[in-house]
Amino acid sequence: MPTAVGGEPAPPLANRLWLPAERRLETPAEYRERLRIDYGRTRELLVAHFRSPADANVIAYPFGDIGHLSANNVETASVVNLEIAARY
């Protein structure tokens, strides 16, 4: 998924993405909604796989780097990710 910075690929959980059709970055609201949909859908898939909501109560971040925050364009990405992940 590209960001505005030269259209380079970037980790999608930690970055507002470039919307080519609109020629702009996602708004903060669009970013939050994309994360909400992503975490919600992930939870649905885990519950379906394990056949038990209790078995899908954990989420892991690669090497503790929530959405690869070492390369982001959203200053509050960790706060937003933790807030939305906690809902699911």
PDB file of N, CA and C in Angstrom:
ATOM      1  N   MET A   1       0.842  -1.174   0.000  1.00  0.00           N
ATOM      2  CA  MET A   1       0.000   0.000   0.000  1.00  0.00           C
ATOM      3  C   MET A   1       0.893   1.245   0.000  1.00  0.00           C
ATOM      4  N   PRO A   2       0.707   2.130  -0.944  1.00  0.00           N
ATOM      5  CA  PRO A   2       1.578   3.299  -1.006  1.00  0.00           C
ATOM      6  C   PRO A   2       1.144   4.453  -0.094  1.00  0.00           C
ATOM      7  N   THR A   3       2.136   5.214   0.316  1.00  0.00           N
ATOM      8  CA  THR A   3       1.883   6.473   1.014  1.00  0.00           C
ATOM      9  C   THR A   3       2.195   7.595   0.029  1.00  0.00           C
ATOM     10  N   ALA A   4       2.003   8.806   0.448  1.00  0.00           N
ATOM     11  CA  ALA A   4       2.258   9.949  -0.435  1.00  0.00           C
ATOM     12  C   ALA A   4       3.734  10.148  -0.714  1.00  0.00           C
ATOM     13  N   VAL A   5       4.588   9.642   0.162  1.00  0.00           N
ATOM     14  CA  VAL A   5       6.021   9.854   0.021  1.00  0.00           C
ATOM     15  C   VAL A   5       6.543   9.040  -1.154  1.00  0.00           C
ATOM     16  N   GLY A   6       6.530   9.620  -2.306  1.00  0.00           N
ATOM     17  CA  GLY A   6       7.043   8.962  -3.504  1.00  0.00           C
ATOM     18  C   GLY A   6       6.263   7.732  -3.922  1.00  0.00           C
ATOM     19  N   GLY A   7       5.094   7.525  -3.352  1.00  0.00           N
ATOM     20  CA  GLY A   7       4.318   6.348  -3.683  1.00  0.00           C
ATOM     21  C   GLY A   7       4.949   5.064  -3.198  1.00  0.00           C
ATOM     22  N   GLU A   8       5.846   5.167  -2.224  1.00  0.00           N
ATOM     23  CA  GLU A   8       6.544   4.000  -1.700  1.00  0.00           C
ATOM     24  C   GLU A   8       5.613   3.130  -0.863  1.00  0.00           C
ATOM     25  N   PRO A   9       5.808   1.809  -0.896  1.00  0.00           N
ATOM     26  CA  PRO A   9       5.006   0.921  -0.042  1.00  0.00           C
ATOM     27  C   PRO A   9       5.262   1.227   1.431  1.00  0.00           C
ATOM     28  N   ALA A  10       4.230   1.042   2.239  1.00  0.00           N
ATOM     29  CA  ALA A  10       4.352   1.313   3.672  1.00  0.00           C
ATOM     30  C   ALA A  10       3.443   0.368   4.436  1.00  0.00           C
ATOM     31  N   PRO A  11       3.791   0.054   5.693  1.00  0.00           N
ATOM     32  CA  PRO A  11       2.926  -0.791   6.515  1.00  0.00           C
ATOM     33  C   PRO A  11       1.552  -0.119   6.695  1.00  0.00           C
ATOM     34  N   PRO A  12       0.470  -0.775   6.314  1.00  0.00           N
ATOM     35  CA  PRO A  12      -0.839  -0.132   6.313  1.00  0.00           C
ATOM     36  C   PRO A  12      -1.432   0.175   7.681  1.00  0.00           C
ATOM     37  N   LEU A  13      -1.022  -0.529   8.757  1.00  0.00           N
ATOM     38  CA  LEU A  13      -1.598  -0.217  10.063  1.00  0.00           C
ATOM     39  C   LEU A  13      -1.043   1.073  10.650  1.00  0.00           C
ATOM     40  N   ALA A  14       0.133   1.471  10.232  1.00  0.00           N
ATOM     41  CA  ALA A  14       0.780   2.644  10.809  1.00  0.00           C
ATOM     42  C   ALA A  14       0.762   3.855   9.890  1.00  0.00           C
ATOM     43  N   ASN A  15       0.091   3.746   8.762  1.00  0.00           N
ATOM     44  CA  ASN A  15       0.130   4.819   7.787  1.00  0.00           C
ATOM     45  C   ASN A  15      -1.226   5.113   7.178  1.00  0.00           C
ATOM     46  N   ARG A  16      -1.471   6.400   6.984  1.00  0.00           N
ATOM     47  CA  ARG A  16      -2.584   6.803   6.140  1.00  0.00           C
ATOM     48  C   ARG A  16      -2.136   6.517   4.711  1.00  0.00           C
ATOM     49  N   LEU A  17      -2.986   5.899   3.941  1.00  0.00           N
ATOM     50  CA  LEU A  17      -2.607   5.459   2.606  1.00  0.00           C
ATOM     51  C   LEU A  17      -2.985   6.484   1.546  1.00  0.00           C
ATOM     52  N   TRP A  18      -2.246   6.436   0.447  1.00  0.00           N
ATOM     53  CA  TRP A  18      -2.497   7.302  -0.693  1.00  0.00           C
ATOM     54  C   TRP A  18      -3.684   6.744  -1.468  1.00  0.00           C
ATOM     55  N   LEU A  19      -4.652   7.601  -1.759  1.00  0.00           N
ATOM     56  CA  LEU A  19      -5.825   7.227  -2.545  1.00  0.00           C
ATOM     57  C   LEU A  19      -5.638   7.796  -3.951  1.00  0.00           C
ATOM     58  N   PRO A  20      -5.179   6.973  -4.891  1.00  0.00           N
ATOM     59  CA  PRO A  20      -4.830   7.486  -6.220  1.00  0.00           C
ATOM     60  C   PRO A  20      -5.998   8.166  -6.938  1.00  0.00           C
ATOM     61  N   ALA A  21      -7.188   7.605  -6.833  1.00  0.00           N
ATOM     62  CA  ALA A  21      -8.337   8.184  -7.528  1.00  0.00           C
ATOM     63  C   ALA A  21      -8.634   9.600  -7.038  1.00  0.00           C
ATOM     64  N   GLU A  22      -8.391   9.836  -5.727  1.00  0.00           N
ATOM     65  CA  GLU A  22      -8.639  11.154  -5.154  1.00  0.00           C
ATOM     66  C   GLU A  22      -7.385  12.027  -5.125  1.00  0.00           C
ATOM     67  N   ARG A  23      -6.223  11.406  -5.428  1.00  0.00           N
ATOM     68  CA  ARG A  23      -4.934  12.089  -5.423  1.00  0.00           C
ATOM     69  C   ARG A  23      -4.657  12.759  -4.076  1.00  0.00           C
ATOM     70  N   ARG A  24      -4.857  11.958  -3.009  1.00  0.00           N
ATOM     71  CA  ARG A  24      -4.633  12.471  -1.663  1.00  0.00           C
ATOM     72  C   ARG A  24      -4.451  11.319  -0.699  1.00  0.00           C
ATOM     73  N   LEU A  25      -3.957  11.653   0.494  1.00  0.00           N
ATOM     74  CA  LEU A  25      -3.898  10.676   1.578  1.00  0.00           C
ATOM     75  C   LEU A  25      -5.280  10.482   2.166  1.00  0.00           C
ATOM     76  N   GLU A  26      -5.498   9.330   2.770  1.00  0.00           N
ATOM     77  CA  GLU A  26      -6.710   9.121   3.555  1.00  0.00           C
ATOM     78  C   GLU A  26      -6.829  10.225   4.595  1.00  0.00           C
ATOM     79  N   THR A  27      -8.039  10.585   4.922  1.00  0.00           N
ATOM     80  CA  THR A  27      -8.244  11.494   6.044  1.00  0.00           C
ATOM     81  C   THR A  27      -8.039  10.695   7.327  1.00  0.00           C
ATOM     82  N   PRO A  28      -7.852  11.377   8.455  1.00  0.00           N
ATOM     83  CA  PRO A  28      -7.765  10.639   9.716  1.00  0.00           C
ATOM     84  C   PRO A  28      -8.999   9.766   9.961  1.00  0.00           C
ATOM     85  N   ALA A  29     -10.181  10.241   9.601  1.00  0.00           N
ATOM     86  CA  ALA A  29     -11.403   9.446   9.783  1.00  0.00           C
ATOM     87  C   ALA A  29     -11.399   8.214   8.877  1.00  0.00           C
ATOM     88  N   GLU A  30     -10.942   8.359   7.643  1.00  0.00           N
ATOM     89  CA  GLU A  30     -10.861   7.216   6.728  1.00  0.00           C
ATOM     90  C   GLU A  30      -9.836   6.204   7.223  1.00  0.00           C
ATOM     91  N   TYR A  31      -8.733   6.673   7.757  1.00  0.00           N
ATOM     92  CA  TYR A  31      -7.704   5.791   8.323  1.00  0.00           C
ATOM     93  C   TYR A  31      -8.298   4.974   9.466  1.00  0.00           C
ATOM     94  N   ARG A  32      -8.965   5.646  10.410  1.00  0.00           N
ATOM     95  CA  ARG A  32      -9.574   4.956  11.547  1.00  0.00           C
ATOM     96  C   ARG A  32     -10.618   3.938  11.083  1.00  0.00           C
ATOM     97  N   GLU A  33     -11.429   4.307  10.097  1.00  0.00           N
ATOM     98  CA  GLU A  33     -12.466   3.393   9.605  1.00  0.00           C
ATOM     99  C   GLU A  33     -11.836   2.168   8.947  1.00  0.00           C
ATOM    100  N   ARG A  34     -10.746   2.367   8.185  1.00  0.00           N
ATOM    101  CA  ARG A  34     -10.062   1.227   7.561  1.00  0.00           C
ATOM    102  C   ARG A  34      -9.521   0.292   8.632  1.00  0.00           C
ATOM    103  N   LEU A  35      -8.936   0.856   9.693  1.00  0.00           N
ATOM    104  CA  LEU A  35      -8.429   0.013  10.779  1.00  0.00           C
ATOM    105  C   LEU A  35      -9.568  -0.721  11.478  1.00  0.00           C
ATOM    106  N   ARG A  36     -10.677  -0.015  11.708  1.00  0.00           N
ATOM    107  CA  ARG A  36     -11.831  -0.637  12.363  1.00  0.00           C
ATOM    108  C   ARG A  36     -12.317  -1.835  11.550  1.00  0.00           C
ATOM    109  N   ILE A  37     -12.433  -1.658  10.253  1.00  0.00           N
ATOM    110  CA  ILE A  37     -12.875  -2.744   9.376  1.00  0.00           C
ATOM    111  C   ILE A  37     -11.855  -3.887   9.394  1.00  0.00           C
ATOM    112  N   ASP A  38     -10.570  -3.562   9.324  1.00  0.00           N
ATOM    113  CA  ASP A  38      -9.523  -4.578   9.303  1.00  0.00           C
ATOM    114  C   ASP A  38      -9.495  -5.396  10.593  1.00  0.00           C
ATOM    115  N   TYR A  39      -9.490  -4.731  11.735  1.00  0.00           N
ATOM    116  CA  TYR A  39      -9.485  -5.459  13.009  1.00  0.00           C
ATOM    117  C   TYR A  39     -10.783  -6.241  13.202  1.00  0.00           C
ATOM    118  N   GLY A  40     -11.909  -5.650  12.817  1.00  0.00           N
ATOM    119  CA  GLY A  40     -13.189  -6.342  12.955  1.00  0.00           C
ATOM    120  C   GLY A  40     -13.254  -7.592  12.096  1.00  0.00           C
ATOM    121  N   ARG A  41     -12.818  -7.472  10.862  1.00  0.00           N
ATOM    122  CA  ARG A  41     -12.831  -8.625   9.947  1.00  0.00           C
ATOM    123  C   ARG A  41     -11.855  -9.700  10.415  1.00  0.00           C
ATOM    124  N   THR A  42     -10.691  -9.273  10.899  1.00  0.00           N
ATOM    125  CA  THR A  42      -9.728 -10.235  11.422  1.00  0.00           C
ATOM    126  C   THR A  42     -10.330 -11.025  12.571  1.00  0.00           C
ATOM    127  N   ARG A  43     -11.015 -10.344  13.465  1.00  0.00           N
ATOM    128  CA  ARG A  43     -11.666 -11.019  14.602  1.00  0.00           C
ATOM    129  C   ARG A  43     -12.701 -12.018  14.092  1.00  0.00           C
ATOM    130  N   GLU A  44     -13.519 -11.609  13.124  1.00  0.00           N
ATOM    131  CA  GLU A  44     -14.528 -12.517  12.562  1.00  0.00           C
ATOM    132  C   GLU A  44     -13.874 -13.773  11.998  1.00  0.00           C
ATOM    133  N   LEU A  45     -12.783 -13.611  11.270  1.00  0.00           N
ATOM    134  CA  LEU A  45     -12.094 -14.762  10.679  1.00  0.00           C
ATOM    135  C   LEU A  45     -11.505 -15.675  11.752  1.00  0.00           C
ATOM    136  N   LEU A  46     -10.942 -15.086  12.814  1.00  0.00           N
ATOM    137  CA  LEU A  46     -10.381 -15.902  13.898  1.00  0.00           C
ATOM    138  C   LEU A  46     -11.471 -16.672  14.634  1.00  0.00           C
ATOM    139  N   VAL A  47     -12.597 -16.028  14.901  1.00  0.00           N
ATOM    140  CA  VAL A  47     -13.710 -16.717  15.571  1.00  0.00           C
ATOM    141  C   VAL A  47     -14.209 -17.860  14.692  1.00  0.00           C
ATOM    142  N   ALA A  48     -14.339 -17.617  13.393  1.00  0.00           N
ATOM    143  CA  ALA A  48     -14.792 -18.672  12.479  1.00  0.00           C
ATOM    144  C   ALA A  48     -13.795 -19.828  12.440  1.00  0.00           C
ATOM    145  N   HIS A  49     -12.509 -19.495  12.453  1.00  0.00           N
ATOM    146  CA  HIS A  49     -11.481 -20.535  12.392  1.00  0.00           C
ATOM    147  C   HIS A  49     -11.467 -21.379  13.672  1.00  0.00           C
ATOM    148  N   PHE A  50     -11.455 -20.703  14.810  1.00  0.00           N
ATOM    149  CA  PHE A  50     -11.373 -21.421  16.083  1.00  0.00           C
ATOM    150  C   PHE A  50     -12.729 -21.920  16.568  1.00  0.00           C
ATOM    151  N   ARG A  51     -13.799 -21.416  15.977  1.00  0.00           N
ATOM    152  CA  ARG A  51     -15.182 -21.766  16.341  1.00  0.00           C
ATOM    153  C   ARG A  51     -15.499 -21.403  17.788  1.00  0.00           C
ATOM    154  N   SER A  52     -14.779 -20.409  18.304  1.00  0.00           N
ATOM    155  CA  SER A  52     -15.007 -19.990  19.679  1.00  0.00           C
ATOM    156  C   SER A  52     -14.495 -18.559  19.869  1.00  0.00           C
ATOM    157  N   PRO A  53     -15.384 -17.637  20.246  1.00  0.00           N
ATOM    158  CA  PRO A  53     -14.922 -16.262  20.484  1.00  0.00           C
ATOM    159  C   PRO A  53     -13.834 -16.174  21.558  1.00  0.00           C
ATOM    160  N   ALA A  54     -13.896 -17.029  22.561  1.00  0.00           N
ATOM    161  CA  ALA A  54     -12.900 -16.981  23.637  1.00  0.00           C
ATOM    162  C   ALA A  54     -11.499 -17.308  23.124  1.00  0.00           C
ATOM    163  N   ASP A  55     -11.403 -18.117  22.071  1.00  0.00           N
ATOM    164  CA  ASP A  55     -10.099 -18.485  21.528  1.00  0.00           C
ATOM    165  C   ASP A  55      -9.532 -17.421  20.598  1.00  0.00           C
ATOM    166  N   ALA A  56     -10.308 -16.367  20.346  1.00  0.00           N
ATOM    167  CA  ALA A  56      -9.863 -15.314  19.428  1.00  0.00           C
ATOM    168  C   ALA A  56      -9.695 -13.986  20.164  1.00  0.00           C
ATOM    169  N   ASN A  57      -9.306 -14.047  21.421  1.00  0.00           N
ATOM    170  CA  ASN A  57      -9.186 -12.839  22.240  1.00  0.00           C
ATOM    171  C   ASN A  57      -7.780 -12.270  22.302  1.00  0.00           C
ATOM    172  N   VAL A  58      -6.906 -12.704  21.429  1.00  0.00           N
ATOM    173  CA  VAL A  58      -5.523 -12.255  21.477  1.00  0.00           C
ATOM    174  C   VAL A  58      -5.114 -11.751  20.100  1.00  0.00           C
ATOM    175  N   ILE A  59      -4.300 -10.710  20.106  1.00  0.00           N
ATOM    176  CA  ILE A  59      -3.731 -10.232  18.848  1.00  0.00           C
ATOM    177  C   ILE A  59      -2.235 -10.067  19.062  1.00  0.00           C
ATOM    178  N   ALA A  60      -1.450 -10.367  18.051  1.00  0.00           N
ATOM    179  CA  ALA A  60       0.000 -10.249  18.166  1.00  0.00           C
ATOM    180  C   ALA A  60       0.504  -9.245  17.136  1.00  0.00           C
ATOM    181  N   TYR A  61       1.481  -8.471  17.529  1.00  0.00           N
ATOM    182  CA  TYR A  61       2.107  -7.522  16.620  1.00  0.00           C
ATOM    183  C   TYR A  61       3.510  -8.026  16.327  1.00  0.00           C
ATOM    184  N   PRO A  62       3.930  -7.985  15.056  1.00  0.00           N
ATOM    185  CA  PRO A  62       5.259  -8.493  14.702  1.00  0.00           C
ATOM    186  C   PRO A  62       6.363  -7.816  15.496  1.00  0.00           C
ATOM    187  N   PHE A  63       7.087  -8.587  16.254  1.00  0.00           N
ATOM    188  CA  PHE A  63       8.228  -8.106  17.027  1.00  0.00           C
ATOM    189  C   PHE A  63       7.851  -6.938  17.938  1.00  0.00           C
ATOM    190  N   GLY A  64       6.593  -6.875  18.366  1.00  0.00           N
ATOM    191  CA  GLY A  64       6.137  -5.819  19.251  1.00  0.00           C
ATOM    192  C   GLY A  64       6.002  -4.461  18.575  1.00  0.00           C
ATOM    193  N   ASP A  65       6.178  -4.411  17.265  1.00  0.00           N
ATOM    194  CA  ASP A  65       6.135  -3.161  16.513  1.00  0.00           C
ATOM    195  C   ASP A  65       4.735  -3.006  15.925  1.00  0.00           C
ATOM    196  N   ILE A  66       3.842  -2.420  16.680  1.00  0.00           N
ATOM    197  CA  ILE A  66       2.437  -2.303  16.277  1.00  0.00           C
ATOM    198  C   ILE A  66       2.335  -1.642  14.909  1.00  0.00           C
ATOM    199  N   GLY A  67       1.962  -2.428  13.931  1.00  0.00           N
ATOM    200  CA  GLY A  67       1.824  -1.891  12.586  1.00  0.00           C
ATOM    201  C   GLY A  67       3.111  -1.353  12.008  1.00  0.00           C
ATOM    202  N   HIS A  68       4.230  -1.812  12.514  1.00  0.00           N
ATOM    203  CA  HIS A  68       5.540  -1.361  12.034  1.00  0.00           C
ATOM    204  C   HIS A  68       5.681   0.144  12.229  1.00  0.00           C
ATOM    205  N   LEU A  69       5.509   0.582  13.462  1.00  0.00           N
ATOM    206  CA  LEU A  69       5.549   2.005  13.778  1.00  0.00           C
ATOM    207  C   LEU A  69       6.900   2.654  13.527  1.00  0.00           C
ATOM    208  N   SER A  70       7.888   1.840  13.260  1.00  0.00           N
ATOM    209  CA  SER A  70       9.191   2.419  12.962  1.00  0.00           C
ATOM    210  C   SER A  70       9.187   3.154  11.624  1.00  0.00           C
ATOM    211  N   ALA A  71       8.152   2.979  10.836  1.00  0.00           N
ATOM    212  CA  ALA A  71       8.015   3.664   9.540  1.00  0.00           C
ATOM    213  C   ALA A  71       6.564   4.075   9.379  1.00  0.00           C
ATOM    214  N   ASN A  72       6.212   5.255   9.928  1.00  0.00           N
ATOM    215  CA  ASN A  72       4.808   5.652   9.850  1.00  0.00           C
ATOM    216  C   ASN A  72       4.644   7.121   9.496  1.00  0.00           C
ATOM    217  N   ASN A  73       3.421   7.474   9.071  1.00  0.00           N
ATOM    218  CA  ASN A  73       3.097   8.867   8.803  1.00  0.00           C
ATOM    219  C   ASN A  73       1.904   9.325   9.651  1.00  0.00           C
ATOM    220  N   VAL A  74       1.605   8.570  10.702  1.00  0.00           N
ATOM    221  CA  VAL A  74       0.533   8.917  11.631  1.00  0.00           C
ATOM    222  C   VAL A  74       1.148   8.992  13.027  1.00  0.00           C
ATOM    223  N   GLU A  75       1.221  10.176  13.563  1.00  0.00           N
ATOM    224  CA  GLU A  75       1.885  10.372  14.852  1.00  0.00           C
ATOM    225  C   GLU A  75       1.247   9.557  15.977  1.00  0.00           C
ATOM    226  N   THR A  76      -0.058   9.373  15.922  1.00  0.00           N
ATOM    227  CA  THR A  76      -0.785   8.659  16.978  1.00  0.00           C
ATOM    228  C   THR A  76      -1.135   7.226  16.584  1.00  0.00           C
ATOM    229  N   ALA A  77      -0.414   6.653  15.649  1.00  0.00           N
ATOM    230  CA  ALA A  77      -0.753   5.312  15.144  1.00  0.00           C
ATOM    231  C   ALA A  77      -0.816   4.268  16.242  1.00  0.00           C
ATOM    232  N   SER A  78       0.108   4.280  17.189  1.00  0.00           N
ATOM    233  CA  SER A  78       0.076   3.263  18.236  1.00  0.00           C
ATOM    234  C   SER A  78      -1.164   3.414  19.099  1.00  0.00           C
ATOM    235  N   VAL A  79      -1.525   4.635  19.460  1.00  0.00           N
ATOM    236  CA  VAL A  79      -2.714   4.877  20.280  1.00  0.00           C
ATOM    237  C   VAL A  79      -3.974   4.430  19.533  1.00  0.00           C
ATOM    238  N   VAL A  80      -4.076   4.815  18.272  1.00  0.00           N
ATOM    239  CA  VAL A  80      -5.254   4.468  17.473  1.00  0.00           C
ATOM    240  C   VAL A  80      -5.355   2.956  17.300  1.00  0.00           C
ATOM    241  N   ASN A  81      -4.235   2.307  16.972  1.00  0.00           N
ATOM    242  CA  ASN A  81      -4.254   0.846  16.794  1.00  0.00           C
ATOM    243  C   ASN A  81      -4.646   0.126  18.071  1.00  0.00           C
ATOM    244  N   LEU A  82      -4.085   0.531  19.191  1.00  0.00           N
ATOM    245  CA  LEU A  82      -4.423  -0.117  20.458  1.00  0.00           C
ATOM    246  C   LEU A  82      -5.885   0.115  20.819  1.00  0.00           C
ATOM    247  N   GLU A  83      -6.379   1.314  20.604  1.00  0.00           N
ATOM    248  CA  GLU A  83      -7.789   1.623  20.902  1.00  0.00           C
ATOM    249  C   GLU A  83      -8.732   0.762  20.072  1.00  0.00           C
ATOM    250  N   ILE A  84      -8.484   0.685  18.765  1.00  0.00           N
ATOM    251  CA  ILE A  84      -9.379  -0.075  17.894  1.00  0.00           C
ATOM    252  C   ILE A  84      -9.215  -1.575  18.122  1.00  0.00           C
ATOM    253  N   ALA A  85      -7.995  -2.052  18.284  1.00  0.00           N
ATOM    254  CA  ALA A  85      -7.775  -3.486  18.535  1.00  0.00           C
ATOM    255  C   ALA A  85      -8.467  -3.912  19.829  1.00  0.00           C
ATOM    256  N   ALA A  86      -8.464  -3.052  20.833  1.00  0.00           N
ATOM    257  CA  ALA A  86      -9.094  -3.394  22.111  1.00  0.00           C
ATOM    258  C   ALA A  86     -10.596  -3.640  21.976  1.00  0.00           C
ATOM    259  N   ARG A  87     -11.215  -3.028  20.998  1.00  0.00           N
ATOM    260  CA  ARG A  87     -12.655  -3.234  20.768  1.00  0.00           C
ATOM    261  C   ARG A  87     -12.958  -4.659  20.290  1.00  0.00           C
ATOM    262  N   TYR A  88     -11.962  -5.247  19.619  1.00  0.00           N
ATOM    263  CA  TYR A  88     -12.193  -6.552  19.009  1.00  0.00           C
ATOM    264  C   TYR A  88     -11.432  -7.646  19.700  1.00  0.00           C
TER     265      TYR A  88
END
